[in-house]
Amino acid sequence: MLPRSGDVLHVTRAASVQFLRPIMFRVIRVLDWPTYDGWLWLDGYELNAAGDAVNRRSIYVQQSGLRQVQAAPAPRPHT
């Protein structure tokens, strides 16, 4: 699953060893930076227990270790 803008992810140690303490993360965008195969740079917000953004950050994670908690809303049709 390639994250999309607006997705909420549960990021744990399965995504990267830096996440010994798991976080909830709302994706702003997938950054187009060079990485190893299967890894991604994500730009977004760390969320607190209430779902509020508390810290903007860029994280480097393994795509296979990400778990989607909430999908981004469907785009609205253009009229």
PDB file of N, CA and C in Angstrom:
ATOM      1  N   MET A   1       0.843  -1.176   0.000  1.00  0.00           N
ATOM      2  CA  MET A   1       0.000   0.000   0.000  1.00  0.00           C
ATOM      3  C   MET A   1       0.888   1.238   0.000  1.00  0.00           C
ATOM      4  N   LEU A   2       0.755   2.073  -1.001  1.00  0.00           N
ATOM      5  CA  LEU A   2       1.462   3.341  -1.049  1.00  0.00           C
ATOM      6  C   LEU A   2       0.572   4.380  -0.378  1.00  0.00           C
ATOM      7  N   PRO A   3       1.042   5.008   0.699  1.00  0.00           N
ATOM      8  CA  PRO A   3       0.199   5.994   1.392  1.00  0.00           C
ATOM      9  C   PRO A   3      -0.180   7.155   0.477  1.00  0.00           C
ATOM     10  N   ARG A   4      -1.344   7.732   0.782  1.00  0.00           N
ATOM     11  CA  ARG A   4      -1.828   8.911   0.060  1.00  0.00           C
ATOM     12  C   ARG A   4      -2.014  10.050   1.041  1.00  0.00           C
ATOM     13  N   SER A   5      -2.065  11.240   0.535  1.00  0.00           N
ATOM     14  CA  SER A   5      -2.336  12.413   1.355  1.00  0.00           C
ATOM     15  C   SER A   5      -3.655  12.223   2.094  1.00  0.00           C
ATOM     16  N   GLY A   6      -3.622  12.396   3.422  1.00  0.00           N
ATOM     17  CA  GLY A   6      -4.818  12.251   4.240  1.00  0.00           C
ATOM     18  C   GLY A   6      -4.924  10.914   4.941  1.00  0.00           C
ATOM     19  N   ASP A   7      -4.154   9.911   4.518  1.00  0.00           N
ATOM     20  CA  ASP A   7      -4.165   8.614   5.203  1.00  0.00           C
ATOM     21  C   ASP A   7      -3.637   8.770   6.626  1.00  0.00           C
ATOM     22  N   VAL A   8      -4.217   8.019   7.549  1.00  0.00           N
ATOM     23  CA  VAL A   8      -3.700   7.949   8.917  1.00  0.00           C
ATOM     24  C   VAL A   8      -3.080   6.570   9.077  1.00  0.00           C
ATOM     25  N   LEU A   9      -1.806   6.559   9.507  1.00  0.00           N
ATOM     26  CA  LEU A   9      -1.041   5.328   9.618  1.00  0.00           C
ATOM     27  C   LEU A   9      -0.636   5.072  11.062  1.00  0.00           C
ATOM     28  N   HIS A  10      -0.564   3.799  11.424  1.00  0.00           N
ATOM     29  CA  HIS A  10       0.019   3.393  12.696  1.00  0.00           C
ATOM     30  C   HIS A  10       1.441   2.980  12.356  1.00  0.00           C
ATOM     31  N   VAL A  11       2.413   3.730  12.876  1.00  0.00           N
ATOM     32  CA  VAL A  11       3.814   3.511  12.543  1.00  0.00           C
ATOM     33  C   VAL A  11       4.486   2.876  13.762  1.00  0.00           C
ATOM     34  N   THR A  12       4.982   1.660  13.578  1.00  0.00           N
ATOM     35  CA  THR A  12       5.604   0.911  14.665  1.00  0.00           C
ATOM     36  C   THR A  12       7.023   0.515  14.280  1.00  0.00           C
ATOM     37  N   ARG A  13       7.617  -0.256  15.156  1.00  0.00           N
ATOM     38  CA  ARG A  13       8.965  -0.756  14.910  1.00  0.00           C
ATOM     39  C   ARG A  13       9.037  -1.605  13.638  1.00  0.00           C
ATOM     40  N   ALA A  14       7.910  -2.155  13.194  1.00  0.00           N
ATOM     41  CA  ALA A  14       7.884  -2.917  11.939  1.00  0.00           C
ATOM     42  C   ALA A  14       8.234  -2.028  10.748  1.00  0.00           C
ATOM     43  N   ALA A  15       7.971  -0.727  10.863  1.00  0.00           N
ATOM     44  CA  ALA A  15       8.275   0.222   9.787  1.00  0.00           C
ATOM     45  C   ALA A  15       9.703   0.748   9.884  1.00  0.00           C
ATOM     46  N   SER A  16      10.216   0.881  11.115  1.00  0.00           N
ATOM     47  CA  SER A  16      11.586   1.342  11.331  1.00  0.00           C
ATOM     48  C   SER A  16      11.929   1.192  12.805  1.00  0.00           C
ATOM     49  N   VAL A  17      13.169   0.853  13.077  1.00  0.00           N
ATOM     50  CA  VAL A  17      13.593   0.645  14.469  1.00  0.00           C
ATOM     51  C   VAL A  17      13.495   1.918  15.305  1.00  0.00           C
ATOM     52  N   GLN A  18      13.426   3.072  14.673  1.00  0.00           N
ATOM     53  CA  GLN A  18      13.318   4.325  15.429  1.00  0.00           C
ATOM     54  C   GLN A  18      11.977   4.455  16.154  1.00  0.00           C
ATOM     55  N   PHE A  19      10.982   3.651  15.774  1.00  0.00           N
ATOM     56  CA  PHE A  19       9.653   3.759  16.370  1.00  0.00           C
ATOM     57  C   PHE A  19       9.442   2.692  17.443  1.00  0.00           C
ATOM     58  N   LEU A  20      10.334   2.695  18.422  1.00  0.00           N
ATOM     59  CA  LEU A  20      10.192   1.821  19.581  1.00  0.00           C
ATOM     60  C   LEU A  20       8.872   2.131  20.276  1.00  0.00           C
ATOM     61  N   ARG A  21       8.533   3.435  20.304  1.00  0.00           N
ATOM     62  CA  ARG A  21       7.223   3.886  20.792  1.00  0.00           C
ATOM     63  C   ARG A  21       6.398   4.202  19.550  1.00  0.00           C
ATOM     64  N   PRO A  22       5.367   3.399  19.271  1.00  0.00           N
ATOM     65  CA  PRO A  22       4.561   3.614  18.058  1.00  0.00           C
ATOM     66  C   PRO A  22       3.891   4.992  18.045  1.00  0.00           C
ATOM     67  N   ILE A  23       3.645   5.487  16.830  1.00  0.00           N
ATOM     68  CA  ILE A  23       2.946   6.758  16.665  1.00  0.00           C
ATOM     69  C   ILE A  23       1.820   6.605  15.650  1.00  0.00           C
ATOM     70  N   MET A  24       0.867   7.515  15.737  1.00  0.00           N
ATOM     71  CA  MET A  24      -0.147   7.675  14.694  1.00  0.00           C
ATOM     72  C   MET A  24       0.348   8.839  13.837  1.00  0.00           C
ATOM     73  N   PHE A  25       0.191   8.721  12.515  1.00  0.00           N
ATOM     74  CA  PHE A  25       0.782   9.676  11.589  1.00  0.00           C
ATOM     75  C   PHE A  25      -0.185   9.953  10.446  1.00  0.00           C
ATOM     76  N   ARG A  26      -0.497  11.247  10.215  1.00  0.00           N
ATOM     77  CA  ARG A  26      -1.342  11.643   9.078  1.00  0.00           C
ATOM     78  C   ARG A  26      -0.434  12.125   7.957  1.00  0.00           C
ATOM     79  N   VAL A  27      -0.557  11.496   6.808  1.00  0.00           N
ATOM     80  CA  VAL A  27       0.309  11.770   5.662  1.00  0.00           C
ATOM     81  C   VAL A  27      -0.100  13.074   4.974  1.00  0.00           C
ATOM     82  N   ILE A  28       0.889  13.912   4.717  1.00  0.00           N
ATOM     83  CA  ILE A  28       0.693  15.077   3.854  1.00  0.00           C
ATOM     84  C   ILE A  28       1.058  14.672   2.428  1.00  0.00           C
ATOM     85  N   ARG A  29       2.233  14.043   2.302  1.00  0.00           N
ATOM     86  CA  ARG A  29       2.688  13.597   0.976  1.00  0.00           C
ATOM     87  C   ARG A  29       3.809  12.581   1.128  1.00  0.00           C
ATOM     88  N   VAL A  30       3.992  11.801   0.079  1.00  0.00           N
ATOM     89  CA  VAL A  30       5.138  10.913  -0.036  1.00  0.00           C
ATOM     90  C   VAL A  30       6.215  11.726  -0.740  1.00  0.00           C
ATOM     91  N   LEU A  31       7.351  11.881  -0.082  1.00  0.00           N
ATOM     92  CA  LEU A  31       8.428  12.693  -0.650  1.00  0.00           C
ATOM     93  C   LEU A  31       9.162  11.920  -1.743  1.00  0.00           C
ATOM     94  N   ASP A  32       9.568  12.625  -2.764  1.00  0.00           N
ATOM     95  CA  ASP A  32      10.247  12.018  -3.905  1.00  0.00           C
ATOM     96  C   ASP A  32      11.761  12.109  -3.705  1.00  0.00           C
ATOM     97  N   TRP A  33      12.224  11.558  -2.591  1.00  0.00           N
ATOM     98  CA  TRP A  33      13.654  11.550  -2.278  1.00  0.00           C
ATOM     99  C   TRP A  33      14.206  10.158  -2.546  1.00  0.00           C
ATOM    100  N   PRO A  34      15.475  10.074  -2.945  1.00  0.00           N
ATOM    101  CA  PRO A  34      16.061   8.762  -3.209  1.00  0.00           C
ATOM    102  C   PRO A  34      16.091   7.905  -1.937  1.00  0.00           C
ATOM    103  N   THR A  35      15.736   6.637  -2.078  1.00  0.00           N
ATOM    104  CA  THR A  35      15.721   5.713  -0.946  1.00  0.00           C
ATOM    105  C   THR A  35      16.141   4.338  -1.418  1.00  0.00           C
ATOM    106  N   TYR A  36      16.263   3.431  -0.465  1.00  0.00           N
ATOM    107  CA  TYR A  36      16.462   2.030  -0.797  1.00  0.00           C
ATOM    108  C   TYR A  36      15.130   1.437  -1.228  1.00  0.00           C
ATOM    109  N   ASP A  37      15.179   0.345  -1.961  1.00  0.00           N
ATOM    110  CA  ASP A  37      13.971  -0.323  -2.430  1.00  0.00           C
ATOM    111  C   ASP A  37      13.097  -0.718  -1.241  1.00  0.00           C
ATOM    112  N   GLY A  38      11.815  -0.345  -1.289  1.00  0.00           N
ATOM    113  CA  GLY A  38      10.876  -0.693  -0.230  1.00  0.00           C
ATOM    114  C   GLY A  38      10.791   0.326   0.893  1.00  0.00           C
ATOM    115  N   TRP A  39      11.583   1.367   0.842  1.00  0.00           N
ATOM    116  CA  TRP A  39      11.572   2.416   1.864  1.00  0.00           C
ATOM    117  C   TRP A  39      10.974   3.699   1.290  1.00  0.00           C
ATOM    118  N   LEU A  40      10.393   4.518   2.168  1.00  0.00           N
ATOM    119  CA  LEU A  40       9.739   5.775   1.768  1.00  0.00           C
ATOM    120  C   LEU A  40      10.075   6.895   2.744  1.00  0.00           C
ATOM    121  N   TRP A  41      10.121   8.091   2.226  1.00  0.00           N
ATOM    122  CA  TRP A  41      10.118   9.288   3.071  1.00  0.00           C
ATOM    123  C   TRP A  41       8.694   9.830   3.054  1.00  0.00           C
ATOM    124  N   LEU A  42       8.104  10.026   4.232  1.00  0.00           N
ATOM    125  CA  LEU A  42       6.759  10.576   4.354  1.00  0.00           C
ATOM    126  C   LEU A  42       6.815  11.898   5.091  1.00  0.00           C
ATOM    127  N   ASP A  43       6.058  12.852   4.630  1.00  0.00           N
ATOM    128  CA  ASP A  43       5.909  14.146   5.283  1.00  0.00           C
ATOM    129  C   ASP A  43       4.507  14.173   5.867  1.00  0.00           C
ATOM    130  N   GLY A  44       4.391  14.588   7.131  1.00  0.00           N
ATOM    131  CA  GLY A  44       3.064  14.607   7.731  1.00  0.00           C
ATOM    132  C   GLY A  44       3.072  15.062   9.172  1.00  0.00           C
ATOM    133  N   TYR A  45       2.030  14.673   9.889  1.00  0.00           N
ATOM    134  CA  TYR A  45       1.845  15.092  11.272  1.00  0.00           C
ATOM    135  C   TYR A  45       1.725  13.899  12.200  1.00  0.00           C
ATOM    136  N   GLU A  46       2.448  13.948  13.302  1.00  0.00           N
ATOM    137  CA  GLU A  46       2.254  12.990  14.377  1.00  0.00           C
ATOM    138  C   GLU A  46       0.974  13.388  15.103  1.00  0.00           C
ATOM    139  N   LEU A  47       0.132  12.420  15.427  1.00  0.00           N
ATOM    140  CA  LEU A  47      -1.158  12.693  16.055  1.00  0.00           C
ATOM    141  C   LEU A  47      -1.135  12.243  17.515  1.00  0.00           C
ATOM    142  N   ASN A  48      -1.868  12.973  18.363  1.00  0.00           N
ATOM    143  CA  ASN A  48      -2.013  12.540  19.755  1.00  0.00           C
ATOM    144  C   ASN A  48      -3.189  11.572  19.859  1.00  0.00           C
ATOM    145  N   ALA A  49      -3.514  11.153  21.088  1.00  0.00           N
ATOM    146  CA  ALA A  49      -4.579  10.160  21.303  1.00  0.00           C
ATOM    147  C   ALA A  49      -5.942  10.661  20.836  1.00  0.00           C
ATOM    148  N   ALA A  50      -6.142  11.988  20.830  1.00  0.00           N
ATOM    149  CA  ALA A  50      -7.407  12.563  20.382  1.00  0.00           C
ATOM    150  C   ALA A  50      -7.466  12.738  18.861  1.00  0.00           C
ATOM    151  N   GLY A  51      -6.345  12.452  18.175  1.00  0.00           N
ATOM    152  CA  GLY A  51      -6.310  12.601  16.721  1.00  0.00           C
ATOM    153  C   GLY A  51      -5.898  13.988  16.257  1.00  0.00           C
ATOM    154  N   ASP A  52      -5.415  14.826  17.194  1.00  0.00           N
ATOM    155  CA  ASP A  52      -4.965  16.171  16.850  1.00  0.00           C
ATOM    156  C   ASP A  52      -3.499  16.154  16.432  1.00  0.00           C
ATOM    157  N   ALA A  53      -3.153  16.957  15.448  1.00  0.00           N
ATOM    158  CA  ALA A  53      -1.763  17.062  15.008  1.00  0.00           C
ATOM    159  C   ALA A  53      -0.956  17.775  16.088  1.00  0.00           C
ATOM    160  N   VAL A  54       0.145  17.165  16.504  1.00  0.00           N
ATOM    161  CA  VAL A  54       0.966  17.753  17.559  1.00  0.00           C
ATOM    162  C   VAL A  54       2.394  18.046  17.111  1.00  0.00           C
ATOM    163  N   ASN A  55       2.831  17.435  16.010  1.00  0.00           N
ATOM    164  CA  ASN A  55       4.207  17.633  15.589  1.00  0.00           C
ATOM    165  C   ASN A  55       4.319  17.315  14.105  1.00  0.00           C
ATOM    166  N   ARG A  56       4.807  18.281  13.322  1.00  0.00           N
ATOM    167  CA  ARG A  56       5.039  18.005  11.903  1.00  0.00           C
ATOM    168  C   ARG A  56       6.409  17.370  11.771  1.00  0.00           C
ATOM    169  N   ARG A  57       6.487  16.296  10.964  1.00  0.00           N
ATOM    170  CA  ARG A  57       7.768  15.628  10.789  1.00  0.00           C
ATOM    171  C   ARG A  57       7.840  14.891   9.461  1.00  0.00           C
ATOM    172  N   SER A  58       9.058  14.607   9.066  1.00  0.00           N
ATOM    173  CA  SER A  58       9.328  13.746   7.922  1.00  0.00           C
ATOM    174  C   SER A  58       9.924  12.466   8.490  1.00  0.00           C
ATOM    175  N   ILE A  59       9.384  11.322   8.057  1.00  0.00           N
ATOM    176  CA  ILE A  59       9.842  10.045   8.593  1.00  0.00           C
ATOM    177  C   ILE A  59      10.284   9.129   7.458  1.00  0.00           C
ATOM    178  N   TYR A  60      11.259   8.283   7.770  1.00  0.00           N
ATOM    179  CA  TYR A  60      11.817   7.321   6.816  1.00  0.00           C
ATOM    180  C   TYR A  60      11.399   5.938   7.278  1.00  0.00           C
ATOM    181  N   VAL A  61      10.598   5.249   6.477  1.00  0.00           N
ATOM    182  CA  VAL A  61       9.979   3.995   6.909  1.00  0.00           C
ATOM    183  C   VAL A  61       9.977   2.953   5.799  1.00  0.00           C
ATOM    184  N   GLN A  62       9.854   1.690   6.218  1.00  0.00           N
ATOM    185  CA  GLN A  62       9.644   0.605   5.264  1.00  0.00           C
ATOM    186  C   GLN A  62       8.168   0.554   4.922  1.00  0.00           C
ATOM    187  N   GLN A  63       7.876   0.577   3.657  1.00  0.00           N
ATOM    188  CA  GLN A  63       6.488   0.564   3.199  1.00  0.00           C
ATOM    189  C   GLN A  63       5.742  -0.661   3.725  1.00  0.00           C
ATOM    190  N   SER A  64       6.380  -1.810   3.765  1.00  0.00           N
ATOM    191  CA  SER A  64       5.724  -3.045   4.195  1.00  0.00           C
ATOM    192  C   SER A  64       5.364  -3.043   5.681  1.00  0.00           C
ATOM    193  N   GLY A  65       5.987  -2.183   6.484  1.00  0.00           N
ATOM    194  CA  GLY A  65       5.721  -2.141   7.916  1.00  0.00           C
ATOM    195  C   GLY A  65       4.625  -1.169   8.319  1.00  0.00           C
ATOM    196  N   LEU A  66       4.052  -0.445   7.361  1.00  0.00           N
ATOM    197  CA  LEU A  66       3.010   0.540   7.672  1.00  0.00           C
ATOM    198  C   LEU A  66       1.649  -0.131   7.773  1.00  0.00           C
ATOM    199  N   ARG A  67       0.839   0.339   8.714  1.00  0.00           N
ATOM    200  CA  ARG A  67      -0.531  -0.163   8.838  1.00  0.00           C
ATOM    201  C   ARG A  67      -1.490   1.017   8.738  1.00  0.00           C
ATOM    202  N   GLN A  68      -2.376   0.964   7.747  1.00  0.00           N
ATOM    203  CA  GLN A  68      -3.343   2.045   7.547  1.00  0.00           C
ATOM    204  C   GLN A  68      -4.472   1.909   8.565  1.00  0.00           C
ATOM    205  N   VAL A  69      -4.738   2.995   9.294  1.00  0.00           N
ATOM    206  CA  VAL A  69      -5.811   3.020  10.275  1.00  0.00           C
ATOM    207  C   VAL A  69      -7.056   3.648   9.669  1.00  0.00           C
ATOM    208  N   GLN A  70      -6.837   4.680   8.882  1.00  0.00           N
ATOM    209  CA  GLN A  70      -7.952   5.395   8.243  1.00  0.00           C
ATOM    210  C   GLN A  70      -7.505   5.846   6.874  1.00  0.00           C
ATOM    211  N   ALA A  71      -8.286   5.521   5.865  1.00  0.00           N
ATOM    212  CA  ALA A  71      -7.965   5.929   4.499  1.00  0.00           C
ATOM    213  C   ALA A  71      -8.335   7.390   4.293  1.00  0.00           C
ATOM    214  N   ALA A  72      -7.633   8.012   3.377  1.00  0.00           N
ATOM    215  CA  ALA A  72      -7.952   9.390   3.012  1.00  0.00           C
ATOM    216  C   ALA A  72      -9.369   9.429   2.439  1.00  0.00           C
ATOM    217  N   PRO A  73     -10.091  10.533   2.675  1.00  0.00           N
ATOM    218  CA  PRO A  73     -11.429  10.647   2.078  1.00  0.00           C
ATOM    219  C   PRO A  73     -11.337  10.620   0.553  1.00  0.00           C
ATOM    220  N   ALA A  74     -12.356  10.111  -0.068  1.00  0.00           N
ATOM    221  CA  ALA A  74     -12.398  10.088  -1.536  1.00  0.00           C
ATOM    222  C   ALA A  74     -12.419  11.521  -2.072  1.00  0.00           C
ATOM    223  N   PRO A  75     -11.688  11.758  -3.157  1.00  0.00           N
ATOM    224  CA  PRO A  75     -11.681  13.113  -3.728  1.00  0.00           C
ATOM    225  C   PRO A  75     -13.100  13.524  -4.168  1.00  0.00           C
ATOM    226  N   ARG A  76     -13.393  14.788  -3.999  1.00  0.00           N
ATOM    227  CA  ARG A  76     -14.706  15.291  -4.454  1.00  0.00           C
ATOM    228  C   ARG A  76     -14.681  15.475  -5.969  1.00  0.00           C
ATOM    229  N   PRO A  77     -15.776  15.130  -6.631  1.00  0.00           N
ATOM    230  CA  PRO A  77     -15.816  15.310  -8.090  1.00  0.00           C
ATOM    231  C   PRO A  77     -15.815  16.800  -8.447  1.00  0.00           C
ATOM    232  N   HIS A  78     -15.158  17.119  -9.528  1.00  0.00           N
ATOM    233  CA  HIS A  78     -15.129  18.496 -10.017  1.00  0.00           C
ATOM    234  C   HIS A  78     -16.398  18.777 -10.809  1.00  0.00           C
ATOM    235  N   THR A  79     -16.946  19.945 -10.622  1.00  0.00           N
ATOM    236  CA  THR A  79     -18.157  20.299 -11.364  1.00  0.00           C
ATOM    237  C   THR A  79     -17.883  21.419 -12.336  1.00  0.00           C
TER     238      THR A  79
END
